[in-house]
Amino acid sequence: GFAAFSSCFPGLCEGKPVATLPMSLSQPCLPVANVGPTRILPHLYLGSQKDVLNKDLMAQNGITYVLNASNTCPKPEFISESHFMRIPVNDNYCEKLLPWLDKTNEFI
């Protein structure tokens, strides 16, 4: 439960100091293998901005909706507004995702 997790990983819990944690897990400047999006479930993929901007790759995987978790990544021109949702968050441990959960679940 939470107590065990909190005792093992106190820096990952709210109200605990997070000074020793890196601000971001992603390394956008490092080379990434061009393997495309990862299938999580049938019709649900996790991919990078590079993946979503590749129209052919999106079509190959039948991806027509995009849920974007960023402040600045652009919406692909070939994805309609009604098929695109952005949650304005940064890639770091301090970001709060819970306030977006209902809207993102509804979108998915």
Protein backbone atom coordinates (compact mmCIF):
# COMPACT_ATOMS: atom_id res chain seq x y z
CA GLY A 1 0.00 0.00 0.00
CA PHE A 2 0.85 3.64 0.20
CA ALA A 3 2.70 3.35 3.53
CA ALA A 4 5.13 0.79 2.11
CA PHE A 5 5.64 2.80 -1.08
CA SER A 6 6.14 6.00 0.92
CA SER A 7 8.74 4.38 3.16
CA CYS A 8 10.66 3.02 0.15
CA PHE A 9 10.29 6.12 -2.04
CA PRO A 10 9.68 9.15 0.21
CA GLY A 11 10.89 11.61 -2.42
CA LEU A 12 8.14 10.54 -4.81
CA CYS A 13 5.33 11.37 -2.38
CA GLU A 14 3.67 14.77 -1.97
CA GLY A 15 4.87 16.76 0.98
CA LYS A 16 8.27 15.08 0.92
CA PRO A 17 11.43 16.81 -0.30
CA VAL A 18 12.22 16.03 -3.92
CA ALA A 19 15.53 17.87 -4.15
CA THR A 20 17.46 14.69 -4.96
CA LEU A 21 15.20 13.73 -7.88
CA PRO A 22 15.96 14.83 -11.43
CA MET A 23 13.50 17.32 -12.87
CA SER A 24 12.79 15.20 -15.95
CA LEU A 25 13.02 11.60 -17.00
CA SER A 26 13.02 12.38 -20.70
CA GLN A 27 16.13 13.29 -22.58
CA PRO A 28 14.88 14.96 -25.77
CA CYS A 29 18.37 15.77 -27.04
CA LEU A 30 19.61 12.19 -26.92
CA PRO A 31 19.30 9.99 -30.03
CA VAL A 32 16.24 7.75 -29.90
CA ALA A 33 15.80 4.55 -31.87
CA ASN A 34 13.19 5.06 -34.56
CA VAL A 35 10.87 2.27 -33.43
CA GLY A 36 7.60 4.20 -33.45
CA PRO A 37 4.84 4.21 -30.85
CA THR A 38 4.44 1.46 -28.26
CA ARG A 39 1.12 -0.40 -28.25
CA ILE A 40 -0.33 -0.34 -24.71
CA LEU A 41 -3.72 -1.89 -25.52
CA PRO A 42 -5.57 -2.52 -28.77
CA HIS A 43 -6.15 0.97 -30.20
CA LEU A 44 -4.07 2.68 -27.45
CA TYR A 45 -0.46 3.70 -28.12
CA LEU A 46 2.20 5.68 -26.31
CA GLY A 47 4.55 7.63 -28.53
CA SER A 48 6.79 10.62 -28.84
CA GLN A 49 6.22 13.96 -30.55
CA LYS A 50 8.36 12.66 -33.41
CA ASP A 51 5.94 9.73 -33.80
CA VAL A 52 2.80 11.88 -33.81
CA LEU A 53 4.18 14.25 -36.44
CA ASN A 54 4.85 11.33 -38.81
CA LYS A 55 1.61 11.10 -40.82
CA ASP A 56 2.55 7.80 -42.47
CA LEU A 57 3.45 6.16 -39.15
CA MET A 58 0.18 7.33 -37.61
CA ALA A 59 -1.79 5.95 -40.57
CA GLN A 60 0.11 2.62 -40.45
CA ASN A 61 -0.98 2.17 -36.84
CA GLY A 62 -4.52 3.46 -37.38
CA ILE A 63 -3.99 6.31 -34.91
CA THR A 64 -6.51 9.11 -35.45
CA TYR A 65 -6.76 10.67 -31.97
CA VAL A 66 -3.92 12.33 -30.03
CA LEU A 67 -3.73 13.09 -26.32
CA ASN A 68 -0.74 15.42 -25.91
CA ALA A 69 0.86 15.92 -22.50
CA SER A 70 2.97 19.04 -23.01
CA ASN A 71 2.93 22.79 -22.89
CA THR A 72 4.45 23.44 -26.28
CA CYS A 73 4.47 20.47 -28.66
CA PRO A 74 2.50 21.37 -31.80
CA LYS A 75 -0.72 19.70 -32.94
CA PRO A 76 -0.16 17.75 -36.15
CA GLU A 77 -1.85 19.48 -39.08
CA PHE A 78 -3.48 16.22 -40.21
CA ILE A 79 -5.23 15.67 -36.83
CA SER A 80 -8.50 17.58 -36.49
CA GLU A 81 -9.18 19.76 -33.45
CA SER A 82 -11.90 17.35 -32.30
CA HIS A 83 -9.40 14.47 -32.34
CA PHE A 84 -6.71 16.32 -30.37
CA MET A 85 -6.51 17.07 -26.65
CA ARG A 86 -3.66 18.79 -24.85
CA ILE A 87 -3.07 18.70 -21.13
CA PRO A 88 -0.62 21.49 -20.34
CA VAL A 89 1.94 19.73 -18.16
CA ASN A 90 5.72 19.51 -18.03
CA ASP A 91 7.70 16.26 -17.97
CA ASN A 92 8.77 16.27 -14.33
CA TYR A 93 8.05 14.63 -11.01
CA CYS A 94 6.25 17.66 -9.59
CA GLU A 95 3.54 17.85 -12.23
CA LYS A 96 -0.01 17.12 -11.09
CA LEU A 97 -1.86 14.79 -13.47
CA LEU A 98 -4.85 13.94 -11.27
CA PRO A 99 -6.78 17.13 -12.13
CA TRP A 100 -6.77 16.02 -15.78
CA LEU A 101 -7.79 12.41 -15.18
CA ASP A 102 -11.56 12.74 -15.79
CA LYS A 103 -11.15 14.76 -18.98
CA THR A 104 -8.46 12.50 -20.40
CA ASN A 105 -10.42 9.34 -19.58
CA GLU A 106 -13.46 10.79 -21.33
CA PHE A 107 -11.34 11.71 -24.36
CA ILE A 108 -9.77 8.24 -24.54
